[in-house]
Amino acid sequence: MRTLIFLLCLGLIGFYSCKNETSEKTDLSEITTVEKPNIQGVWELVSFYNYDEEGNVTDTLKASETNKQVKIYTQTRIMWSRFNISDTIDWFGYGSYATTDTSLIETLEYGSKSMNRVIKEEQNVFEFKLEISEDSYSQITLDDDGDPFFAENYRRIER
């Protein structure tokens, strides 16, 4: 009789442990995945930061109606334009880009006459530290030691 009671208890424990496992699996299937912020969309420049040697922001320059810039990121392409009422030189660029969780790399193929000169004579790949949230991002230029010295800060104006 003791053996029968022991086997019955053991069976009940096994039954309940299987039932709990099934319940946990069901609960795990209901968990939703949170997507990382995505840079695709249209972005408007809101400000610039300058940094000191310790990496602290020393001043903030706000964008305005007389000094503005817009960037458009598709799935694989970038296009940007800059307007400064006091500047007689046109500035825009077009190319491809890649991101990681912490970096943005823009590779420009062509642009305005002044930008084409930069692309041809100086550089066409621009690497930035990336800080991004759902509706804003900063592209931070780092010096040779990896310290920040300049940033452009954007807000999303269209997805």
N, C-alpha and C. Protein backbone atom coordinates (compact mmCIF):
# COMPACT_ATOMS: atom_id res chain seq x y z
N MET A 1 0.80 -1.19 0.00
CA MET A 1 0.00 0.00 0.00
C MET A 1 0.86 1.27 0.00
N ARG A 2 1.92 1.23 0.82
CA ARG A 2 2.81 2.39 0.84
C ARG A 2 3.40 2.65 -0.53
N THR A 3 3.74 1.62 -1.22
CA THR A 3 4.31 1.75 -2.55
C THR A 3 3.32 2.39 -3.50
N LEU A 4 2.06 2.01 -3.38
CA LEU A 4 1.02 2.57 -4.23
C LEU A 4 0.83 4.06 -3.95
N ILE A 5 0.81 4.45 -2.69
CA ILE A 5 0.67 5.86 -2.31
C ILE A 5 1.89 6.65 -2.80
N PHE A 6 3.08 6.05 -2.64
CA PHE A 6 4.30 6.71 -3.09
C PHE A 6 4.27 6.94 -4.60
N LEU A 7 3.88 5.94 -5.35
CA LEU A 7 3.81 6.06 -6.81
C LEU A 7 2.75 7.08 -7.22
N LEU A 8 1.63 7.10 -6.51
CA LEU A 8 0.58 8.07 -6.79
C LEU A 8 1.07 9.49 -6.55
N CYS A 9 1.75 9.73 -5.45
CA CYS A 9 2.32 11.06 -5.15
C CYS A 9 3.36 11.45 -6.19
N LEU A 10 4.19 10.51 -6.56
CA LEU A 10 5.21 10.78 -7.56
C LEU A 10 4.57 11.13 -8.91
N GLY A 11 3.51 10.44 -9.26
CA GLY A 11 2.77 10.72 -10.49
C GLY A 11 2.14 12.11 -10.47
N LEU A 12 1.55 12.49 -9.33
CA LEU A 12 0.95 13.82 -9.19
C LEU A 12 2.00 14.92 -9.31
N ILE A 13 3.14 14.72 -8.69
CA ILE A 13 4.23 15.71 -8.78
C ILE A 13 4.68 15.85 -10.23
N GLY A 14 4.84 14.74 -10.91
CA GLY A 14 5.22 14.77 -12.32
C GLY A 14 4.17 15.47 -13.17
N PHE A 15 2.89 15.20 -12.90
CA PHE A 15 1.80 15.82 -13.65
C PHE A 15 1.82 17.34 -13.46
N TYR A 16 1.94 17.81 -12.23
CA TYR A 16 1.94 19.26 -11.97
C TYR A 16 3.18 19.95 -12.53
N SER A 17 4.32 19.27 -12.48
CA SER A 17 5.52 19.90 -13.03
C SER A 17 5.41 20.03 -14.54
N CYS A 18 4.82 19.07 -15.22
CA CYS A 18 4.61 19.18 -16.67
C CYS A 18 3.63 20.29 -16.98
N LYS A 19 2.59 20.40 -16.17
CA LYS A 19 1.57 21.43 -16.38
C LYS A 19 2.19 22.82 -16.23
N ASN A 20 3.07 23.03 -15.24
CA ASN A 20 3.73 24.32 -15.03
C ASN A 20 4.65 24.66 -16.19
N GLU A 21 5.37 23.65 -16.73
CA GLU A 21 6.24 23.89 -17.88
C GLU A 21 5.44 24.38 -19.07
N THR A 22 4.31 23.75 -19.33
CA THR A 22 3.46 24.15 -20.46
C THR A 22 2.98 25.58 -20.26
N SER A 23 2.62 25.91 -19.04
CA SER A 23 2.13 27.26 -18.74
C SER A 23 3.24 28.29 -18.98
N GLU A 24 4.46 27.98 -18.56
CA GLU A 24 5.57 28.90 -18.77
C GLU A 24 5.83 29.11 -20.26
N LYS A 25 5.75 28.05 -21.04
CA LYS A 25 5.98 28.18 -22.47
C LYS A 25 4.93 29.09 -23.10
N THR A 26 3.70 28.96 -22.67
CA THR A 26 2.65 29.82 -23.18
C THR A 26 2.92 31.27 -22.82
N ASP A 27 3.35 31.51 -21.56
CA ASP A 27 3.65 32.88 -21.13
C ASP A 27 4.79 33.46 -21.94
N LEU A 28 5.84 32.69 -22.22
CA LEU A 28 6.99 33.18 -22.98
C LEU A 28 6.59 33.54 -24.42
N SER A 29 5.65 32.81 -24.98
CA SER A 29 5.25 33.10 -26.36
C SER A 29 4.49 34.41 -26.46
N GLU A 30 3.98 34.92 -25.34
CA GLU A 30 3.22 36.17 -25.35
C GLU A 30 4.11 37.40 -25.18
N ILE A 31 5.40 37.22 -24.94
CA ILE A 31 6.32 38.34 -24.77
C ILE A 31 6.55 39.00 -26.12
N THR A 32 6.42 40.32 -26.17
CA THR A 32 6.64 41.04 -27.43
C THR A 32 8.07 41.56 -27.48
N THR A 33 8.61 41.61 -28.67
CA THR A 33 9.96 42.11 -28.88
C THR A 33 9.92 43.62 -29.08
N VAL A 34 10.78 44.33 -28.36
CA VAL A 34 10.87 45.78 -28.51
C VAL A 34 11.93 46.08 -29.55
N GLU A 35 11.55 46.82 -30.59
CA GLU A 35 12.49 47.14 -31.65
C GLU A 35 13.41 48.28 -31.24
N LYS A 36 14.64 48.22 -31.73
CA LYS A 36 15.60 49.29 -31.49
C LYS A 36 15.20 50.49 -32.34
N PRO A 37 15.53 51.69 -31.89
CA PRO A 37 15.26 52.87 -32.72
C PRO A 37 15.94 52.74 -34.08
N ASN A 38 15.26 53.20 -35.10
CA ASN A 38 15.74 53.07 -36.47
C ASN A 38 15.95 54.47 -37.05
N ILE A 39 17.02 54.65 -37.78
CA ILE A 39 17.36 55.97 -38.32
C ILE A 39 16.58 56.30 -39.60
N GLN A 40 15.90 55.32 -40.19
CA GLN A 40 15.16 55.60 -41.41
C GLN A 40 14.10 56.67 -41.16
N GLY A 41 14.04 57.65 -42.08
CA GLY A 41 13.08 58.72 -41.96
C GLY A 41 13.69 60.05 -42.34
N VAL A 42 12.97 61.12 -42.00
CA VAL A 42 13.41 62.48 -42.30
C VAL A 42 13.72 63.17 -40.98
N TRP A 43 14.89 63.83 -40.92
CA TRP A 43 15.38 64.43 -39.70
C TRP A 43 15.75 65.89 -39.94
N GLU A 44 15.47 66.72 -38.95
CA GLU A 44 15.77 68.14 -39.03
C GLU A 44 16.79 68.50 -37.95
N LEU A 45 17.82 69.22 -38.34
CA LEU A 45 18.84 69.67 -37.40
C LEU A 45 18.23 70.64 -36.39
N VAL A 46 18.48 70.42 -35.11
CA VAL A 46 17.96 71.33 -34.08
C VAL A 46 19.07 72.08 -33.36
N SER A 47 20.27 71.49 -33.29
CA SER A 47 21.36 72.17 -32.60
C SER A 47 22.70 71.50 -32.88
N PHE A 48 23.75 72.22 -32.49
CA PHE A 48 25.13 71.72 -32.54
C PHE A 48 25.67 71.76 -31.12
N TYR A 49 26.55 70.84 -30.78
CA TYR A 49 27.29 70.89 -29.52
C TYR A 49 28.77 71.01 -29.83
N ASN A 50 29.48 71.76 -29.01
CA ASN A 50 30.94 71.76 -28.97
C ASN A 50 31.34 71.17 -27.63
N TYR A 51 32.43 70.40 -27.61
CA TYR A 51 32.90 69.72 -26.40
C TYR A 51 34.27 70.24 -25.99
N ASP A 52 34.57 70.16 -24.68
CA ASP A 52 35.91 70.49 -24.20
C ASP A 52 36.76 69.21 -24.17
N GLU A 53 37.99 69.32 -23.66
CA GLU A 53 38.92 68.20 -23.66
C GLU A 53 38.45 67.03 -22.79
N GLU A 54 37.59 67.31 -21.81
CA GLU A 54 37.09 66.26 -20.93
C GLU A 54 35.81 65.61 -21.47
N GLY A 55 35.33 66.06 -22.63
CA GLY A 55 34.12 65.48 -23.21
C GLY A 55 32.83 66.09 -22.73
N ASN A 56 32.92 67.27 -22.08
CA ASN A 56 31.73 67.97 -21.62
C ASN A 56 31.26 68.96 -22.69
N VAL A 57 29.95 69.12 -22.82
CA VAL A 57 29.41 70.09 -23.77
C VAL A 57 29.75 71.49 -23.25
N THR A 58 30.41 72.28 -24.09
CA THR A 58 30.79 73.64 -23.68
C THR A 58 29.81 74.68 -24.17
N ASP A 59 29.19 74.44 -25.31
CA ASP A 59 28.14 75.36 -25.77
C ASP A 59 27.23 74.67 -26.76
N THR A 60 26.03 75.21 -26.88
CA THR A 60 25.01 74.69 -27.78
C THR A 60 24.62 75.80 -28.73
N LEU A 61 24.66 75.51 -30.02
CA LEU A 61 24.24 76.47 -31.03
C LEU A 61 22.95 75.95 -31.64
N LYS A 62 21.88 76.71 -31.55
CA LYS A 62 20.58 76.30 -32.07
C LYS A 62 20.50 76.53 -33.57
N ALA A 63 19.83 75.63 -34.28
CA ALA A 63 19.52 75.83 -35.69
C ALA A 63 18.37 76.85 -35.75
N SER A 64 18.20 77.46 -36.91
CA SER A 64 17.14 78.46 -37.05
C SER A 64 16.63 78.45 -38.48
N GLU A 65 15.68 79.31 -38.77
CA GLU A 65 15.14 79.41 -40.13
C GLU A 65 16.20 79.91 -41.12
N THR A 66 17.22 80.59 -40.63
CA THR A 66 18.27 81.09 -41.51
C THR A 66 19.46 80.13 -41.59
N ASN A 67 19.44 79.08 -40.79
CA ASN A 67 20.51 78.08 -40.77
C ASN A 67 19.86 76.73 -40.47
N LYS A 68 19.55 75.96 -41.50
CA LYS A 68 18.90 74.67 -41.27
C LYS A 68 19.49 73.58 -42.15
N GLN A 69 19.25 72.37 -41.70
CA GLN A 69 19.74 71.20 -42.43
C GLN A 69 18.74 70.07 -42.24
N VAL A 70 18.53 69.29 -43.30
CA VAL A 70 17.62 68.14 -43.27
C VAL A 70 18.37 66.93 -43.81
N LYS A 71 18.14 65.78 -43.19
CA LYS A 71 18.71 64.52 -43.66
C LYS A 71 17.57 63.54 -43.89
N ILE A 72 17.68 62.79 -44.98
CA ILE A 72 16.69 61.77 -45.31
C ILE A 72 17.42 60.43 -45.42
N TYR A 73 17.01 59.48 -44.60
CA TYR A 73 17.57 58.13 -44.63
C TYR A 73 16.50 57.16 -45.13
N THR A 74 16.80 56.45 -46.22
CA THR A 74 15.96 55.35 -46.66
C THR A 74 16.55 54.08 -46.06
N GLN A 75 16.17 52.93 -46.58
CA GLN A 75 16.70 51.68 -46.03
C GLN A 75 18.23 51.59 -46.16
N THR A 76 18.79 52.13 -47.27
CA THR A 76 20.24 52.02 -47.49
C THR A 76 20.89 53.33 -47.93
N ARG A 77 20.12 54.36 -48.21
CA ARG A 77 20.66 55.59 -48.79
C ARG A 77 20.46 56.79 -47.87
N ILE A 78 21.34 57.79 -48.04
CA ILE A 78 21.29 59.05 -47.30
C ILE A 78 21.32 60.20 -48.29
N MET A 79 20.53 61.22 -48.02
CA MET A 79 20.63 62.48 -48.76
C MET A 79 20.41 63.59 -47.75
N TRP A 80 21.23 64.62 -47.84
CA TRP A 80 21.10 65.74 -46.92
C TRP A 80 21.29 67.05 -47.69
N SER A 81 20.70 68.10 -47.14
CA SER A 81 20.89 69.44 -47.70
C SER A 81 20.99 70.43 -46.55
N ARG A 82 21.77 71.47 -46.78
CA ARG A 82 21.96 72.51 -45.77
C ARG A 82 21.63 73.85 -46.39
N PHE A 83 20.93 74.67 -45.62
CA PHE A 83 20.61 76.03 -46.04
C PHE A 83 21.10 77.00 -44.98
N ASN A 84 21.93 77.94 -45.40
CA ASN A 84 22.38 79.01 -44.52
C ASN A 84 22.23 80.29 -45.32
N ILE A 85 21.35 81.16 -44.87
CA ILE A 85 21.02 82.37 -45.63
C ILE A 85 22.24 83.25 -45.89
N SER A 86 23.23 83.21 -45.01
CA SER A 86 24.41 84.06 -45.18
C SER A 86 25.50 83.38 -46.00
N ASP A 87 25.29 82.13 -46.41
CA ASP A 87 26.28 81.38 -47.17
C ASP A 87 25.87 81.36 -48.64
N THR A 88 26.76 81.75 -49.52
CA THR A 88 26.45 81.75 -50.96
C THR A 88 26.76 80.40 -51.61
N ILE A 89 27.29 79.47 -50.83
CA ILE A 89 27.66 78.15 -51.35
C ILE A 89 26.54 77.16 -51.03
N ASP A 90 26.13 76.38 -52.04
CA ASP A 90 25.15 75.33 -51.83
C ASP A 90 25.83 74.11 -51.24
N TRP A 91 25.12 73.42 -50.32
CA TRP A 91 25.66 72.22 -49.71
C TRP A 91 24.59 71.13 -49.72
N PHE A 92 24.89 70.00 -50.37
CA PHE A 92 24.08 68.79 -50.25
C PHE A 92 24.95 67.60 -50.58
N GLY A 93 24.52 66.44 -50.16
CA GLY A 93 25.26 65.22 -50.42
C GLY A 93 24.35 64.03 -50.55
N TYR A 94 24.85 63.00 -51.26
CA TYR A 94 24.08 61.78 -51.49
C TYR A 94 25.02 60.59 -51.43
N GLY A 95 24.53 59.51 -50.82
CA GLY A 95 25.34 58.30 -50.78
C GLY A 95 24.66 57.19 -50.03
N SER A 96 25.45 56.34 -49.42
CA SER A 96 24.93 55.21 -48.65
C SER A 96 25.35 55.39 -47.19
N TYR A 97 24.78 54.56 -46.34
CA TYR A 97 25.12 54.64 -44.92
C TYR A 97 25.00 53.27 -44.29
N ALA A 98 25.59 53.14 -43.12
CA ALA A 98 25.46 51.93 -42.29
C ALA A 98 25.44 52.37 -40.84
N THR A 99 24.70 51.63 -40.01
CA THR A 99 24.67 51.93 -38.59
C THR A 99 24.91 50.66 -37.78
N THR A 100 25.40 50.88 -36.57
CA THR A 100 25.41 49.86 -35.53
C THR A 100 24.67 50.48 -34.36
N ASP A 101 24.69 49.83 -33.22
CA ASP A 101 24.04 50.41 -32.04
C ASP A 101 24.69 51.73 -31.63
N THR A 102 25.97 51.91 -31.96
CA THR A 102 26.69 53.09 -31.47
C THR A 102 27.41 53.89 -32.55
N SER A 103 27.25 53.52 -33.83
CA SER A 103 27.99 54.25 -34.86
C SER A 103 27.13 54.48 -36.11
N LEU A 104 27.48 55.55 -36.82
CA LEU A 104 26.87 55.90 -38.10
C LEU A 104 28.01 56.17 -39.06
N ILE A 105 27.98 55.52 -40.22
CA ILE A 105 29.00 55.73 -41.25
C ILE A 105 28.28 56.13 -42.53
N GLU A 106 28.56 57.33 -43.01
CA GLU A 106 28.00 57.82 -44.26
C GLU A 106 29.09 57.81 -45.32
N THR A 107 28.81 57.21 -46.47
CA THR A 107 29.74 57.17 -47.59
C THR A 107 29.11 57.96 -48.73
N LEU A 108 29.63 59.15 -48.98
CA LEU A 108 29.04 60.02 -49.99
C LEU A 108 29.59 59.70 -51.37
N GLU A 109 28.68 59.69 -52.35
CA GLU A 109 29.05 59.42 -53.73
C GLU A 109 29.18 60.72 -54.52
N TYR A 110 28.28 61.65 -54.27
CA TYR A 110 28.36 62.95 -54.92
C TYR A 110 27.54 63.96 -54.13
N GLY A 111 27.67 65.21 -54.52
CA GLY A 111 26.94 66.27 -53.85
C GLY A 111 27.01 67.56 -54.63
N SER A 112 26.79 68.65 -53.93
CA SER A 112 26.90 69.96 -54.55
C SER A 112 28.35 70.18 -55.00
N LYS A 113 28.56 71.21 -55.77
CA LYS A 113 29.91 71.48 -56.29
C LYS A 113 30.92 71.58 -55.16
N SER A 114 30.57 72.30 -54.10
CA SER A 114 31.48 72.44 -52.96
C SER A 114 31.68 71.11 -52.23
N MET A 115 30.62 70.31 -52.12
CA MET A 115 30.74 69.02 -51.45
C MET A 115 31.52 68.03 -52.30
N ASN A 116 31.36 68.09 -53.62
CA ASN A 116 32.13 67.22 -54.50
C ASN A 116 33.63 67.46 -54.35
N ARG A 117 34.00 68.70 -54.11
CA ARG A 117 35.41 69.02 -53.88
C ARG A 117 35.91 68.33 -52.61
N VAL A 118 35.10 68.37 -51.56
CA VAL A 118 35.46 67.69 -50.31
C VAL A 118 35.56 66.19 -50.54
N ILE A 119 34.57 65.62 -51.23
CA ILE A 119 34.55 64.18 -51.50
C ILE A 119 35.78 63.76 -52.30
N LYS A 120 36.14 64.52 -53.29
CA LYS A 120 37.26 64.16 -54.17
C LYS A 120 38.62 64.41 -53.52
N GLU A 121 38.78 65.54 -52.85
CA GLU A 121 40.09 65.94 -52.36
C GLU A 121 40.37 65.58 -50.91
N GLU A 122 39.34 65.44 -50.09
CA GLU A 122 39.58 65.22 -48.66
C GLU A 122 39.08 63.86 -48.19
N GLN A 123 37.77 63.64 -48.25
CA GLN A 123 37.21 62.36 -47.78
C GLN A 123 35.79 62.20 -48.29
N ASN A 124 35.39 60.93 -48.40
CA ASN A 124 34.01 60.65 -48.76
C ASN A 124 33.32 59.77 -47.72
N VAL A 125 34.07 59.26 -46.75
CA VAL A 125 33.50 58.45 -45.68
C VAL A 125 33.55 59.26 -44.39
N PHE A 126 32.38 59.38 -43.75
CA PHE A 126 32.25 60.17 -42.54
C PHE A 126 31.73 59.25 -41.44
N GLU A 127 32.53 59.11 -40.38
CA GLU A 127 32.18 58.22 -39.27
C GLU A 127 31.83 59.04 -38.05
N PHE A 128 30.74 58.62 -37.38
CA PHE A 128 30.25 59.33 -36.20
C PHE A 128 29.89 58.33 -35.11
N LYS A 129 29.97 58.79 -33.88
CA LYS A 129 29.35 58.07 -32.78
C LYS A 129 27.87 58.38 -32.88
N LEU A 130 27.01 57.38 -32.70
CA LEU A 130 25.57 57.55 -32.85
C LEU A 130 24.88 57.37 -31.51
N GLU A 131 24.06 58.35 -31.15
CA GLU A 131 23.16 58.24 -30.00
C GLU A 131 21.77 58.47 -30.55
N ILE A 132 20.91 57.46 -30.46
CA ILE A 132 19.60 57.55 -31.10
C ILE A 132 18.49 57.09 -30.16
N SER A 133 17.36 57.78 -30.25
CA SER A 133 16.14 57.36 -29.59
C SER A 133 15.05 57.35 -30.65
N GLU A 134 13.83 57.15 -30.27
CA GLU A 134 12.75 57.03 -31.24
C GLU A 134 12.59 58.29 -32.09
N ASP A 135 12.73 59.48 -31.48
CA ASP A 135 12.44 60.72 -32.21
C ASP A 135 13.60 61.73 -32.23
N SER A 136 14.80 61.31 -31.86
CA SER A 136 15.95 62.20 -31.94
C SER A 136 17.22 61.38 -32.10
N TYR A 137 18.23 62.02 -32.67
CA TYR A 137 19.54 61.37 -32.71
C TYR A 137 20.62 62.44 -32.77
N SER A 138 21.81 62.04 -32.32
CA SER A 138 23.00 62.88 -32.38
C SER A 138 24.08 62.11 -33.11
N GLN A 139 24.74 62.81 -34.04
CA GLN A 139 25.92 62.25 -34.69
C GLN A 139 27.10 63.03 -34.15
N ILE A 140 27.99 62.33 -33.47
CA ILE A 140 29.06 62.96 -32.72
C ILE A 140 30.39 62.66 -33.41
N THR A 141 31.11 63.73 -33.76
CA THR A 141 32.43 63.59 -34.37
C THR A 141 33.45 63.42 -33.25
N LEU A 142 34.29 62.39 -33.40
CA LEU A 142 35.31 62.09 -32.39
C LEU A 142 36.67 62.52 -32.92
N ASP A 143 37.55 62.93 -32.00
CA ASP A 143 38.91 63.28 -32.40
C ASP A 143 39.76 62.01 -32.52
N ASP A 144 41.04 62.17 -32.79
CA ASP A 144 41.93 61.02 -33.00
C ASP A 144 42.06 60.13 -31.77
N ASP A 145 41.78 60.69 -30.59
CA ASP A 145 41.85 59.91 -29.35
C ASP A 145 40.51 59.26 -29.00
N GLY A 146 39.49 59.48 -29.83
CA GLY A 146 38.17 58.90 -29.56
C GLY A 146 37.30 59.73 -28.65
N ASP A 147 37.70 60.99 -28.42
CA ASP A 147 36.92 61.88 -27.57
C ASP A 147 36.00 62.76 -28.42
N PRO A 148 34.80 63.07 -27.94
CA PRO A 148 33.88 63.91 -28.73
C PRO A 148 34.38 65.35 -28.80
N PHE A 149 34.21 65.99 -29.98
CA PHE A 149 34.53 67.41 -30.04
C PHE A 149 33.45 68.22 -30.75
N PHE A 150 32.52 67.56 -31.47
CA PHE A 150 31.46 68.28 -32.16
C PHE A 150 30.29 67.33 -32.39
N ALA A 151 29.06 67.84 -32.28
CA ALA A 151 27.88 67.00 -32.52
C ALA A 151 26.82 67.78 -33.27
N GLU A 152 26.10 67.08 -34.13
CA GLU A 152 24.89 67.60 -34.75
C GLU A 152 23.73 66.83 -34.14
N ASN A 153 22.70 67.55 -33.70
CA ASN A 153 21.56 66.95 -33.02
C ASN A 153 20.30 67.16 -33.86
N TYR A 154 19.57 66.07 -34.10
CA TYR A 154 18.41 66.08 -35.00
C TYR A 154 17.15 65.62 -34.28
N ARG A 155 16.00 66.06 -34.81
CA ARG A 155 14.72 65.52 -34.36
C ARG A 155 14.00 64.96 -35.58
N ARG A 156 13.26 63.90 -35.36
CA ARG A 156 12.54 63.24 -36.45
C ARG A 156 11.35 64.10 -36.86
N ILE A 157 11.17 64.32 -38.18
CA ILE A 157 10.01 65.06 -38.64
C ILE A 157 9.09 64.18 -39.51
N GLU A 158 9.58 62.99 -39.89
CA GLU A 158 8.74 62.02 -40.61
C GLU A 158 9.38 60.66 -40.53
N ARG A 159 8.54 59.63 -40.46
CA ARG A 159 9.03 58.23 -40.41
C ARG A 159 9.21 57.68 -41.79
